[in-house]
Amino acid sequence: MLAEKYKIVPVASDLDLNTATTSGDSINMKNYHKATFICGYQTLGSGSSLLTLNCGPTQGVASTAVTFDYAWMTAAAAGTDADVLTAWTSGTSVTATYGTYSNYTLVIEVSAAAMDMANGYEWLTILSTAAGGSTGNVQIHAILEPRYLGGQSVTCLE
């Protein structure tokens, strides 16, 4: 089963994108090699929001930007290509352009090796920063690749 090989984590449910800066739950990555975030954007209004991944020494602390890879999937109503990813891009941020990415899915992959683990920055936090007047919501789940195999894994949220 997928859920016994990987850790599935609800990071944000209906995260409101019109708040200046908002975050999902932080994930402690000390027991994981990689995180894949599935971000389901709902109907977006005006403005744009900037999504970043940051690491820090404790839950909710976003000290250092983390480089990640990302790709978009077309809107669910787009038909047969709705499950096709665009080309992968690497960066420390991605913009959800309102009017372009309504009902799209954003896939983000980040390696724990990209984090500043040497300084104890093992907590990974996803942030969304909105432009003034932005509207919309996003739901985010993470799929974590564990360092150690086992049936049920311990929490990574605290």
N, C-alpha and C. Protein backbone atom coordinates (compact mmCIF):
# COMPACT_ATOMS: atom_id res chain seq x y z
N MET A 1 0.83 -1.19 0.00
CA MET A 1 0.00 0.00 0.00
C MET A 1 0.87 1.26 0.00
N LEU A 2 0.43 2.25 -0.72
CA LEU A 2 1.13 3.52 -0.79
C LEU A 2 1.31 4.13 0.60
N ALA A 3 0.26 4.09 1.41
CA ALA A 3 0.29 4.72 2.74
C ALA A 3 1.24 4.00 3.70
N GLU A 4 1.65 2.78 3.39
CA GLU A 4 2.61 2.09 4.25
C GLU A 4 4.05 2.31 3.80
N LYS A 5 4.23 2.79 2.57
CA LYS A 5 5.57 3.07 2.05
C LYS A 5 5.95 4.55 2.17
N TYR A 6 4.94 5.41 2.16
CA TYR A 6 5.16 6.86 2.22
C TYR A 6 4.26 7.46 3.29
N LYS A 7 4.67 8.58 3.83
CA LYS A 7 3.88 9.31 4.83
C LYS A 7 3.04 10.35 4.10
N ILE A 8 1.72 10.29 4.28
CA ILE A 8 0.81 11.26 3.66
C ILE A 8 0.37 12.24 4.74
N VAL A 9 0.60 13.54 4.47
CA VAL A 9 0.39 14.55 5.49
C VAL A 9 -0.52 15.67 4.96
N PRO A 10 -1.66 15.93 5.62
CA PRO A 10 -2.45 17.10 5.26
C PRO A 10 -1.75 18.35 5.80
N VAL A 11 -1.33 19.23 4.91
CA VAL A 11 -0.56 20.41 5.31
C VAL A 11 -1.46 21.64 5.46
N ALA A 12 -2.43 21.78 4.56
CA ALA A 12 -3.34 22.92 4.63
C ALA A 12 -4.67 22.56 3.98
N SER A 13 -5.75 22.94 4.64
CA SER A 13 -7.08 22.72 4.10
C SER A 13 -7.72 24.09 3.86
N ASP A 14 -8.02 24.37 2.61
CA ASP A 14 -8.63 25.65 2.24
C ASP A 14 -7.86 26.85 2.78
N LEU A 15 -6.56 26.85 2.55
CA LEU A 15 -5.69 27.95 2.96
C LEU A 15 -6.12 29.21 2.21
N ASP A 16 -6.48 30.25 2.94
CA ASP A 16 -7.00 31.49 2.37
C ASP A 16 -5.85 32.30 1.78
N LEU A 17 -5.90 32.56 0.48
CA LEU A 17 -4.81 33.25 -0.21
C LEU A 17 -4.91 34.77 -0.16
N ASN A 18 -5.94 35.32 0.50
CA ASN A 18 -6.02 36.78 0.55
C ASN A 18 -5.39 37.34 1.83
N THR A 19 -4.78 36.48 2.64
CA THR A 19 -4.06 36.93 3.83
C THR A 19 -2.63 37.28 3.40
N ALA A 20 -2.07 38.34 3.97
CA ALA A 20 -0.75 38.82 3.55
C ALA A 20 0.25 37.67 3.44
N THR A 21 0.53 36.98 4.54
CA THR A 21 1.38 35.79 4.51
C THR A 21 0.74 34.76 5.41
N THR A 22 0.56 33.57 4.87
CA THR A 22 -0.04 32.49 5.63
C THR A 22 0.74 31.21 5.37
N SER A 23 0.65 30.28 6.31
CA SER A 23 1.43 29.05 6.15
C SER A 23 0.58 27.83 6.45
N GLY A 24 1.03 26.71 5.90
CA GLY A 24 0.46 25.43 6.26
C GLY A 24 1.22 24.89 7.46
N ASP A 25 0.89 23.68 7.87
CA ASP A 25 1.61 23.04 8.97
C ASP A 25 3.07 22.81 8.57
N SER A 26 3.96 22.96 9.53
CA SER A 26 5.38 22.67 9.31
C SER A 26 5.60 21.17 9.43
N ILE A 27 6.57 20.66 8.68
CA ILE A 27 6.90 19.24 8.68
C ILE A 27 8.34 19.07 9.16
N ASN A 28 8.53 18.18 10.13
CA ASN A 28 9.88 17.87 10.58
C ASN A 28 10.45 16.81 9.63
N MET A 29 11.49 17.17 8.90
CA MET A 29 12.05 16.32 7.84
C MET A 29 13.21 15.43 8.30
N LYS A 30 13.50 15.37 9.60
CA LYS A 30 14.67 14.60 10.05
C LYS A 30 14.58 13.11 9.71
N ASN A 31 13.38 12.56 9.55
CA ASN A 31 13.23 11.14 9.23
C ASN A 31 12.82 10.90 7.78
N TYR A 32 12.98 11.91 6.92
CA TYR A 32 12.51 11.80 5.54
C TYR A 32 13.56 12.29 4.55
N HIS A 33 13.62 11.63 3.40
CA HIS A 33 14.54 12.02 2.33
C HIS A 33 13.98 13.14 1.46
N LYS A 34 12.67 13.08 1.21
CA LYS A 34 12.07 13.97 0.22
C LYS A 34 10.62 14.23 0.56
N ALA A 35 10.13 15.41 0.17
CA ALA A 35 8.72 15.75 0.29
C ALA A 35 8.19 16.14 -1.08
N THR A 36 7.02 15.60 -1.41
CA THR A 36 6.30 16.01 -2.62
C THR A 36 5.00 16.65 -2.16
N PHE A 37 4.81 17.92 -2.51
CA PHE A 37 3.59 18.64 -2.15
C PHE A 37 2.64 18.64 -3.33
N ILE A 38 1.37 18.34 -3.07
CA ILE A 38 0.31 18.42 -4.07
C ILE A 38 -0.57 19.59 -3.65
N CYS A 39 -0.56 20.66 -4.43
CA CYS A 39 -1.28 21.89 -4.10
C CYS A 39 -2.44 22.06 -5.07
N GLY A 40 -3.66 21.94 -4.57
CA GLY A 40 -4.85 22.08 -5.41
C GLY A 40 -5.42 23.48 -5.27
N TYR A 41 -5.18 24.30 -6.29
CA TYR A 41 -5.69 25.67 -6.27
C TYR A 41 -7.15 25.67 -6.72
N GLN A 42 -7.97 26.43 -6.00
CA GLN A 42 -9.38 26.56 -6.36
C GLN A 42 -9.54 27.82 -7.20
N THR A 43 -10.76 28.31 -7.36
CA THR A 43 -10.99 29.49 -8.17
C THR A 43 -10.24 30.68 -7.58
N LEU A 44 -9.40 31.30 -8.40
CA LEU A 44 -8.58 32.43 -7.97
C LEU A 44 -9.14 33.71 -8.57
N GLY A 45 -9.13 34.77 -7.77
CA GLY A 45 -9.65 36.06 -8.24
C GLY A 45 -8.55 36.93 -8.80
N SER A 46 -8.43 38.14 -8.28
CA SER A 46 -7.44 39.08 -8.78
C SER A 46 -6.13 38.96 -8.00
N GLY A 47 -5.08 39.58 -8.52
CA GLY A 47 -3.78 39.54 -7.85
C GLY A 47 -3.08 38.21 -8.07
N SER A 48 -1.99 37.99 -7.39
CA SER A 48 -1.22 36.75 -7.47
C SER A 48 -0.68 36.43 -6.10
N SER A 49 -0.36 35.17 -5.87
CA SER A 49 0.28 34.81 -4.61
C SER A 49 1.61 34.13 -4.90
N LEU A 50 2.54 34.33 -4.01
CA LEU A 50 3.89 33.78 -4.14
C LEU A 50 4.04 32.67 -3.12
N LEU A 51 4.40 31.48 -3.59
CA LEU A 51 4.57 30.33 -2.71
C LEU A 51 6.06 30.05 -2.53
N THR A 52 6.48 29.87 -1.28
CA THR A 52 7.87 29.56 -0.97
C THR A 52 7.94 28.40 0.01
N LEU A 53 9.07 27.72 0.04
CA LEU A 53 9.37 26.71 1.06
C LEU A 53 10.54 27.24 1.87
N ASN A 54 10.43 27.10 3.18
CA ASN A 54 11.47 27.60 4.07
C ASN A 54 11.76 26.58 5.14
N CYS A 55 13.01 26.56 5.60
CA CYS A 55 13.36 25.68 6.70
C CYS A 55 13.73 26.53 7.91
N GLY A 56 13.61 25.90 9.08
CA GLY A 56 13.92 26.60 10.31
C GLY A 56 14.18 25.62 11.44
N PRO A 57 14.62 26.14 12.59
CA PRO A 57 14.99 25.27 13.71
C PRO A 57 13.81 24.71 14.51
N THR A 58 12.65 25.33 14.39
CA THR A 58 11.47 24.87 15.12
C THR A 58 10.23 25.01 14.23
N GLN A 59 9.17 24.38 14.68
CA GLN A 59 7.91 24.41 13.95
C GLN A 59 7.45 25.84 13.74
N GLY A 60 7.08 26.17 12.49
CA GLY A 60 6.54 27.48 12.16
C GLY A 60 7.58 28.57 11.93
N VAL A 61 8.85 28.28 12.15
CA VAL A 61 9.91 29.28 11.95
C VAL A 61 10.48 29.08 10.54
N ALA A 62 10.36 30.13 9.72
CA ALA A 62 10.81 30.07 8.33
C ALA A 62 12.07 30.92 8.18
N SER A 63 13.21 30.34 8.53
CA SER A 63 14.47 31.09 8.56
C SER A 63 15.16 31.22 7.21
N THR A 64 15.18 30.14 6.42
CA THR A 64 15.97 30.10 5.20
C THR A 64 15.15 29.54 4.05
N ALA A 65 15.20 30.21 2.90
CA ALA A 65 14.50 29.72 1.70
C ALA A 65 15.15 28.42 1.22
N VAL A 66 14.34 27.52 0.72
CA VAL A 66 14.79 26.22 0.23
C VAL A 66 14.50 26.14 -1.27
N THR A 67 15.48 25.65 -2.03
CA THR A 67 15.30 25.45 -3.48
C THR A 67 14.50 24.18 -3.71
N PHE A 68 13.54 24.24 -4.63
CA PHE A 68 12.68 23.09 -4.93
C PHE A 68 12.38 23.04 -6.42
N ASP A 69 11.85 21.92 -6.87
CA ASP A 69 11.40 21.74 -8.25
C ASP A 69 9.88 21.76 -8.26
N TYR A 70 9.29 22.32 -9.33
CA TYR A 70 7.84 22.37 -9.40
C TYR A 70 7.36 22.26 -10.84
N ALA A 71 6.12 21.81 -10.96
CA ALA A 71 5.45 21.72 -12.27
C ALA A 71 3.95 21.87 -12.04
N TRP A 72 3.28 22.45 -13.02
CA TRP A 72 1.83 22.64 -12.96
C TRP A 72 1.12 21.55 -13.76
N MET A 73 -0.11 21.23 -13.36
CA MET A 73 -1.01 20.41 -14.16
C MET A 73 -2.19 21.29 -14.52
N THR A 74 -2.68 21.13 -15.73
CA THR A 74 -3.76 21.99 -16.20
C THR A 74 -5.02 21.82 -15.37
N ALA A 75 -5.95 22.73 -15.55
CA ALA A 75 -7.19 22.74 -14.79
C ALA A 75 -7.96 21.43 -14.96
N ALA A 76 -8.64 21.04 -13.90
CA ALA A 76 -9.39 19.78 -13.90
C ALA A 76 -10.43 19.74 -15.01
N ALA A 77 -10.99 20.86 -15.36
CA ALA A 77 -12.02 20.90 -16.40
C ALA A 77 -11.42 20.96 -17.81
N ALA A 78 -10.10 20.89 -17.91
CA ALA A 78 -9.44 21.03 -19.21
C ALA A 78 -9.54 19.78 -20.08
N GLY A 79 -10.03 18.69 -19.50
CA GLY A 79 -10.23 17.48 -20.30
C GLY A 79 -9.11 16.47 -20.14
N THR A 80 -8.75 15.83 -21.25
CA THR A 80 -7.85 14.67 -21.19
C THR A 80 -6.44 15.00 -20.76
N ASP A 81 -5.98 16.23 -20.85
CA ASP A 81 -4.62 16.57 -20.46
C ASP A 81 -4.52 17.09 -19.03
N ALA A 82 -5.59 16.97 -18.25
CA ALA A 82 -5.59 17.51 -16.88
C ALA A 82 -4.61 16.78 -15.97
N ASP A 83 -4.09 15.63 -16.39
CA ASP A 83 -3.14 14.89 -15.57
C ASP A 83 -1.71 14.96 -16.11
N VAL A 84 -1.44 15.90 -16.98
CA VAL A 84 -0.13 16.04 -17.61
C VAL A 84 0.62 17.22 -16.98
N LEU A 85 1.83 16.94 -16.49
CA LEU A 85 2.65 18.00 -15.90
C LEU A 85 3.34 18.83 -16.98
N THR A 86 3.51 20.12 -16.68
CA THR A 86 4.33 20.98 -17.53
C THR A 86 5.79 20.62 -17.28
N ALA A 87 6.71 21.29 -17.94
CA ALA A 87 8.14 21.05 -17.71
C ALA A 87 8.50 21.45 -16.28
N TRP A 88 9.40 20.69 -15.66
CA TRP A 88 9.85 20.99 -14.31
C TRP A 88 10.72 22.24 -14.31
N THR A 89 10.54 23.06 -13.27
CA THR A 89 11.31 24.28 -13.07
C THR A 89 11.88 24.25 -11.67
N SER A 90 13.05 24.82 -11.48
CA SER A 90 13.68 24.87 -10.17
C SER A 90 13.73 26.31 -9.69
N GLY A 91 13.52 26.52 -8.39
CA GLY A 91 13.58 27.87 -7.85
C GLY A 91 13.33 27.88 -6.36
N THR A 92 13.30 29.07 -5.77
CA THR A 92 12.98 29.23 -4.36
C THR A 92 11.57 29.79 -4.17
N SER A 93 10.86 30.02 -5.28
CA SER A 93 9.48 30.49 -5.20
C SER A 93 8.75 30.18 -6.51
N VAL A 94 7.44 30.17 -6.43
CA VAL A 94 6.60 30.01 -7.61
C VAL A 94 5.38 30.91 -7.43
N THR A 95 4.99 31.58 -8.50
CA THR A 95 3.84 32.49 -8.45
C THR A 95 2.60 31.81 -9.01
N ALA A 96 1.53 31.84 -8.22
CA ALA A 96 0.22 31.38 -8.70
C ALA A 96 -0.48 32.60 -9.26
N THR A 97 -0.39 32.76 -10.56
CA THR A 97 -0.94 33.93 -11.23
C THR A 97 -2.46 33.79 -11.34
N TYR A 98 -3.15 34.71 -10.71
CA TYR A 98 -4.61 34.69 -10.73
C TYR A 98 -5.08 34.96 -12.15
N GLY A 99 -6.10 34.26 -12.56
CA GLY A 99 -6.59 34.36 -13.92
C GLY A 99 -5.93 33.34 -14.83
N THR A 100 -4.81 32.77 -14.40
CA THR A 100 -4.12 31.74 -15.16
C THR A 100 -4.27 30.38 -14.50
N TYR A 101 -4.09 30.30 -13.18
CA TYR A 101 -3.99 29.02 -12.49
C TYR A 101 -5.22 28.64 -11.65
N SER A 102 -6.39 29.19 -11.95
CA SER A 102 -7.61 28.74 -11.28
C SER A 102 -7.83 27.27 -11.56
N ASN A 103 -8.10 26.51 -10.51
CA ASN A 103 -8.40 25.08 -10.58
C ASN A 103 -7.24 24.24 -11.15
N TYR A 104 -6.03 24.71 -11.02
CA TYR A 104 -4.84 23.96 -11.42
C TYR A 104 -4.26 23.23 -10.22
N THR A 105 -3.41 22.27 -10.49
CA THR A 105 -2.67 21.56 -9.45
C THR A 105 -1.19 21.88 -9.63
N LEU A 106 -0.54 22.21 -8.54
CA LEU A 106 0.89 22.48 -8.51
C LEU A 106 1.57 21.33 -7.76
N VAL A 107 2.58 20.72 -8.38
CA VAL A 107 3.34 19.66 -7.74
C VAL A 107 4.73 20.21 -7.42
N ILE A 108 5.14 20.06 -6.16
CA ILE A 108 6.43 20.57 -5.70
C ILE A 108 7.22 19.40 -5.12
N GLU A 109 8.49 19.28 -5.50
CA GLU A 109 9.36 18.25 -4.93
C GLU A 109 10.57 18.94 -4.31
N VAL A 110 10.88 18.53 -3.07
CA VAL A 110 12.03 19.10 -2.37
C VAL A 110 12.76 17.99 -1.63
N SER A 111 14.07 18.01 -1.74
CA SER A 111 14.92 17.05 -1.05
C SER A 111 15.30 17.60 0.31
N ALA A 112 15.35 16.74 1.31
CA ALA A 112 15.80 17.17 2.63
C ALA A 112 17.25 17.67 2.56
N ALA A 113 18.01 17.19 1.59
CA ALA A 113 19.39 17.63 1.41
C ALA A 113 19.47 19.11 1.03
N ALA A 114 18.39 19.69 0.51
CA ALA A 114 18.37 21.10 0.14
C ALA A 114 18.17 22.01 1.36
N MET A 115 17.82 21.40 2.49
CA MET A 115 17.60 22.16 3.71
C MET A 115 18.91 22.34 4.48
N ASP A 116 18.92 23.30 5.37
CA ASP A 116 20.11 23.59 6.18
C ASP A 116 20.11 22.72 7.44
N MET A 117 20.19 21.40 7.25
CA MET A 117 20.16 20.46 8.36
C MET A 117 21.39 20.60 9.27
N ALA A 118 22.52 21.03 8.71
CA ALA A 118 23.75 21.17 9.49
C ALA A 118 23.57 22.15 10.64
N ASN A 119 22.68 23.13 10.47
CA ASN A 119 22.42 24.11 11.52
C ASN A 119 21.15 23.79 12.30
N GLY A 120 20.66 22.56 12.15
CA GLY A 120 19.47 22.15 12.89
C GLY A 120 18.16 22.64 12.30
N TYR A 121 18.16 23.08 11.04
CA TYR A 121 16.95 23.57 10.38
C TYR A 121 16.23 22.40 9.72
N GLU A 122 15.58 21.57 10.55
CA GLU A 122 14.94 20.37 10.04
C GLU A 122 13.43 20.53 9.83
N TRP A 123 12.89 21.69 10.16
CA TRP A 123 11.46 21.95 9.96
C TRP A 123 11.24 22.64 8.62
N LEU A 124 10.31 22.11 7.82
CA LEU A 124 9.99 22.63 6.49
C LEU A 124 8.60 23.25 6.54
N THR A 125 8.50 24.52 6.12
CA THR A 125 7.23 25.24 6.15
C THR A 125 6.95 25.83 4.78
N ILE A 126 5.72 25.63 4.31
CA ILE A 126 5.28 26.20 3.04
C ILE A 126 4.52 27.50 3.35
N LEU A 127 4.92 28.58 2.68
CA LEU A 127 4.31 29.90 2.90
C LEU A 127 3.67 30.40 1.62
N SER A 128 2.56 31.12 1.78
CA SER A 128 1.94 31.81 0.65
C SER A 128 1.83 33.28 1.01
N THR A 129 2.38 34.12 0.15
CA THR A 129 2.32 35.56 0.35
C THR A 129 1.46 36.15 -0.75
N ALA A 130 0.42 36.87 -0.37
CA ALA A 130 -0.57 37.37 -1.33
C ALA A 130 -0.34 38.84 -1.65
N ALA A 131 -0.67 39.18 -2.89
CA ALA A 131 -0.71 40.59 -3.28
C ALA A 131 -2.00 41.18 -2.73
N GLY A 132 -2.06 42.49 -2.60
CA GLY A 132 -3.28 43.14 -2.11
C GLY A 132 -4.48 42.80 -2.98
N GLY A 133 -5.60 42.47 -2.36
CA GLY A 133 -6.82 42.18 -3.10
C GLY A 133 -6.89 40.78 -3.68
N SER A 134 -5.92 39.93 -3.36
CA SER A 134 -5.93 38.56 -3.87
C SER A 134 -7.06 37.77 -3.22
N THR A 135 -7.65 36.86 -3.99
CA THR A 135 -8.67 35.99 -3.43
C THR A 135 -8.44 34.58 -3.94
N GLY A 136 -8.87 33.60 -3.17
CA GLY A 136 -8.77 32.21 -3.57
C GLY A 136 -8.33 31.33 -2.41
N ASN A 137 -8.32 30.03 -2.66
CA ASN A 137 -7.94 29.05 -1.65
C ASN A 137 -7.09 27.97 -2.30
N VAL A 138 -6.30 27.29 -1.46
CA VAL A 138 -5.50 26.16 -1.91
C VAL A 138 -5.54 25.08 -0.83
N GLN A 139 -5.57 23.85 -1.26
CA GLN A 139 -5.48 22.72 -0.36
C GLN A 139 -4.16 22.02 -0.65
N ILE A 140 -3.40 21.68 0.41
CA ILE A 140 -2.06 21.13 0.22
C ILE A 140 -1.89 19.84 1.02
N HIS A 141 -1.39 18.81 0.34
CA HIS A 141 -1.00 17.56 0.98
C HIS A 141 0.46 17.30 0.64
N ALA A 142 1.18 16.67 1.55
CA ALA A 142 2.56 16.28 1.30
C ALA A 142 2.66 14.76 1.34
N ILE A 143 3.52 14.22 0.48
CA ILE A 143 3.85 12.80 0.49
C ILE A 143 5.34 12.73 0.79
N LEU A 144 5.68 12.12 1.91
CA LEU A 144 7.07 12.08 2.38
C LEU A 144 7.68 10.72 2.13
N GLU A 145 8.94 10.73 1.66
CA GLU A 145 9.70 9.50 1.46
C GLU A 145 10.54 9.26 2.71
N PRO A 146 10.22 8.20 3.47
CA PRO A 146 10.92 7.99 4.75
C PRO A 146 12.37 7.51 4.58
N ARG A 147 13.20 7.85 5.55
CA ARG A 147 14.58 7.36 5.60
C ARG A 147 14.60 5.90 6.04
N TYR A 148 13.65 5.52 6.87
CA TYR A 148 13.63 4.17 7.44
C TYR A 148 12.30 3.51 7.08
N LEU A 149 12.35 2.29 6.60
CA LEU A 149 11.14 1.56 6.23
C LEU A 149 10.41 1.06 7.46
N GLY A 150 9.09 1.03 7.35
CA GLY A 150 8.27 0.52 8.45
C GLY A 150 6.81 0.72 8.09
N GLY A 151 5.93 -0.04 8.73
CA GLY A 151 4.51 0.05 8.43
C GLY A 151 3.92 1.40 8.75
N GLN A 152 3.80 1.72 10.02
CA GLN A 152 3.22 2.99 10.44
C GLN A 152 4.34 3.88 10.96
N SER A 153 4.38 5.10 10.50
CA SER A 153 5.44 6.02 10.94
C SER A 153 4.89 6.99 11.97
N VAL A 154 5.78 7.55 12.76
CA VAL A 154 5.40 8.51 13.79
C VAL A 154 5.05 9.85 13.14
N THR A 155 4.43 10.73 13.90
CA THR A 155 4.02 12.01 13.36
C THR A 155 5.24 12.87 13.00
N CYS A 156 5.06 13.73 12.03
CA CYS A 156 6.10 14.67 11.62
C CYS A 156 5.61 16.10 11.88
N LEU A 157 4.46 16.25 12.52
CA LEU A 157 3.86 17.57 12.70
C LEU A 157 4.06 18.16 14.10
N GLU A 158 3.87 17.41 15.14
CA GLU A 158 3.92 17.83 16.55
C GLU A 158 2.86 18.83 16.87
